[in-house]
Amino acid sequence: MGKVATARQISFWFARRGRTYMAMAKMFNRHHATGIHAVKTVNNRLSVGDPETTRVVEEVERELAKT
């Protein structure tokens, strides 16, 4: 998977919190199915301990905690 696609998927994953898939898709100007796929993909990568996905998610969470 390319870096841009992975970054978009992780962005969808963070955006999902407290939003419907329809609202989230509208934010990204994408179809809601793209958001569903993105969230499932990131959840799957995290569940198997994918090191790159885990690193990026943890890094973003640290940055978000600062705000």
C-alpha atoms as a PDB file:
ATOM      1  CA  MET A   1       0.000   0.000   0.000  1.00  0.00           C
ATOM      2  CA  GLY A   2       1.277   3.445  -0.863  1.00  0.00           C
ATOM      3  CA  LYS A   3       2.130   6.041   1.740  1.00  0.00           C
ATOM      4  CA  VAL A   4      -0.637   8.388   0.602  1.00  0.00           C
ATOM      5  CA  ALA A   5      -3.300   5.682   0.779  1.00  0.00           C
ATOM      6  CA  THR A   6      -2.073   4.554   4.194  1.00  0.00           C
ATOM      7  CA  ALA A   7      -2.087   8.134   5.492  1.00  0.00           C
ATOM      8  CA  ARG A   8      -5.628   8.616   4.166  1.00  0.00           C
ATOM      9  CA  GLN A   9      -6.788   5.395   5.812  1.00  0.00           C
ATOM     10  CA  ILE A  10      -5.322   6.407   9.153  1.00  0.00           C
ATOM     11  CA  SER A  11      -6.926   9.835   8.777  1.00  0.00           C
ATOM     12  CA  PHE A  12     -10.281   8.144   8.199  1.00  0.00           C
ATOM     13  CA  TRP A  13      -9.642   5.977  11.258  1.00  0.00           C
ATOM     14  CA  PHE A  14      -9.100   9.032  13.467  1.00  0.00           C
ATOM     15  CA  ALA A  15     -11.998  10.934  11.870  1.00  0.00           C
ATOM     16  CA  ARG A  16     -14.383   8.052  12.579  1.00  0.00           C
ATOM     17  CA  ARG A  17     -14.486   8.818  16.279  1.00  0.00           C
ATOM     18  CA  GLY A  18     -17.943  10.174  17.001  1.00  0.00           C
ATOM     19  CA  ARG A  19     -18.987  10.456  13.355  1.00  0.00           C
ATOM     20  CA  THR A  20     -21.129   8.444  10.993  1.00  0.00           C
ATOM     21  CA  TYR A  21     -19.508   6.993   7.901  1.00  0.00           C
ATOM     22  CA  MET A  22     -21.626   9.320   5.777  1.00  0.00           C
ATOM     23  CA  ALA A  23     -20.434  12.427   7.651  1.00  0.00           C
ATOM     24  CA  MET A  24     -16.857  11.241   7.554  1.00  0.00           C
ATOM     25  CA  ALA A  25     -17.002  10.508   3.825  1.00  0.00           C
ATOM     26  CA  LYS A  26     -18.358  13.984   3.181  1.00  0.00           C
ATOM     27  CA  MET A  27     -15.369  15.470   5.051  1.00  0.00           C
ATOM     28  CA  PHE A  28     -12.979  13.612   2.745  1.00  0.00           C
ATOM     29  CA  ASN A  29     -15.091  13.959  -0.400  1.00  0.00           C
ATOM     30  CA  ARG A  30     -15.159  10.180  -0.739  1.00  0.00           C
ATOM     31  CA  HIS A  31     -17.819   7.480  -0.805  1.00  0.00           C
ATOM     32  CA  HIS A  32     -18.800   6.120   2.608  1.00  0.00           C
ATOM     33  CA  ALA A  33     -17.633   2.650   1.555  1.00  0.00           C
ATOM     34  CA  THR A  34     -14.107   4.058   1.282  1.00  0.00           C
ATOM     35  CA  GLY A  35     -14.331   5.084   4.930  1.00  0.00           C
ATOM     36  CA  ILE A  36     -15.640   1.691   5.982  1.00  0.00           C
ATOM     37  CA  HIS A  37     -12.780  -0.015   4.166  1.00  0.00           C
ATOM     38  CA  ALA A  38     -10.216   2.377   5.648  1.00  0.00           C
ATOM     39  CA  VAL A  39     -11.375   1.877   9.230  1.00  0.00           C
ATOM     40  CA  LYS A  40     -11.494  -1.916   8.837  1.00  0.00           C
ATOM     41  CA  THR A  41      -8.033  -1.932   7.262  1.00  0.00           C
ATOM     42  CA  VAL A  42      -6.460   0.126  10.047  1.00  0.00           C
ATOM     43  CA  ASN A  43      -8.222  -1.945  12.728  1.00  0.00           C
ATOM     44  CA  ASN A  44      -6.923  -5.133  11.105  1.00  0.00           C
ATOM     45  CA  ARG A  45      -3.375  -3.774  10.903  1.00  0.00           C
ATOM     46  CA  LEU A  46      -3.475  -2.713  14.540  1.00  0.00           C
ATOM     47  CA  SER A  47      -4.893  -6.074  15.650  1.00  0.00           C
ATOM     48  CA  VAL A  48      -1.978  -7.962  14.093  1.00  0.00           C
ATOM     49  CA  GLY A  49       0.542  -5.491  15.467  1.00  0.00           C
ATOM     50  CA  ASP A  50       1.654  -3.962  12.171  1.00  0.00           C
ATOM     51  CA  PRO A  51       4.645  -1.899  13.346  1.00  0.00           C
ATOM     52  CA  GLU A  52       4.304   0.980  10.870  1.00  0.00           C
ATOM     53  CA  THR A  53       0.580   1.488  11.449  1.00  0.00           C
ATOM     54  CA  THR A  54       1.047   1.226  15.210  1.00  0.00           C
ATOM     55  CA  ARG A  55       3.898   3.742  15.129  1.00  0.00           C
ATOM     56  CA  VAL A  56       1.938   6.287  13.099  1.00  0.00           C
ATOM     57  CA  VAL A  57      -1.229   5.935  15.197  1.00  0.00           C
ATOM     58  CA  GLU A  58       0.727   6.318  18.438  1.00  0.00           C
ATOM     59  CA  GLU A  59       2.625   9.315  17.085  1.00  0.00           C
ATOM     60  CA  VAL A  60      -0.569  11.068  15.981  1.00  0.00           C
ATOM     61  CA  GLU A  61      -2.229  10.285  19.327  1.00  0.00           C
ATOM     62  CA  ARG A  62       0.726  11.860  21.166  1.00  0.00           C
ATOM     63  CA  GLU A  63       0.450  14.988  19.006  1.00  0.00           C
ATOM     64  CA  LEU A  64      -3.306  15.190  19.507  1.00  0.00           C
ATOM     65  CA  ALA A  65      -2.871  14.892  23.262  1.00  0.00           C
ATOM     66  CA  LYS A  66      -0.772  18.065  23.192  1.00  0.00           C
ATOM     67  CA  THR A  67      -3.681  20.118  21.868  1.00  0.00           C
END
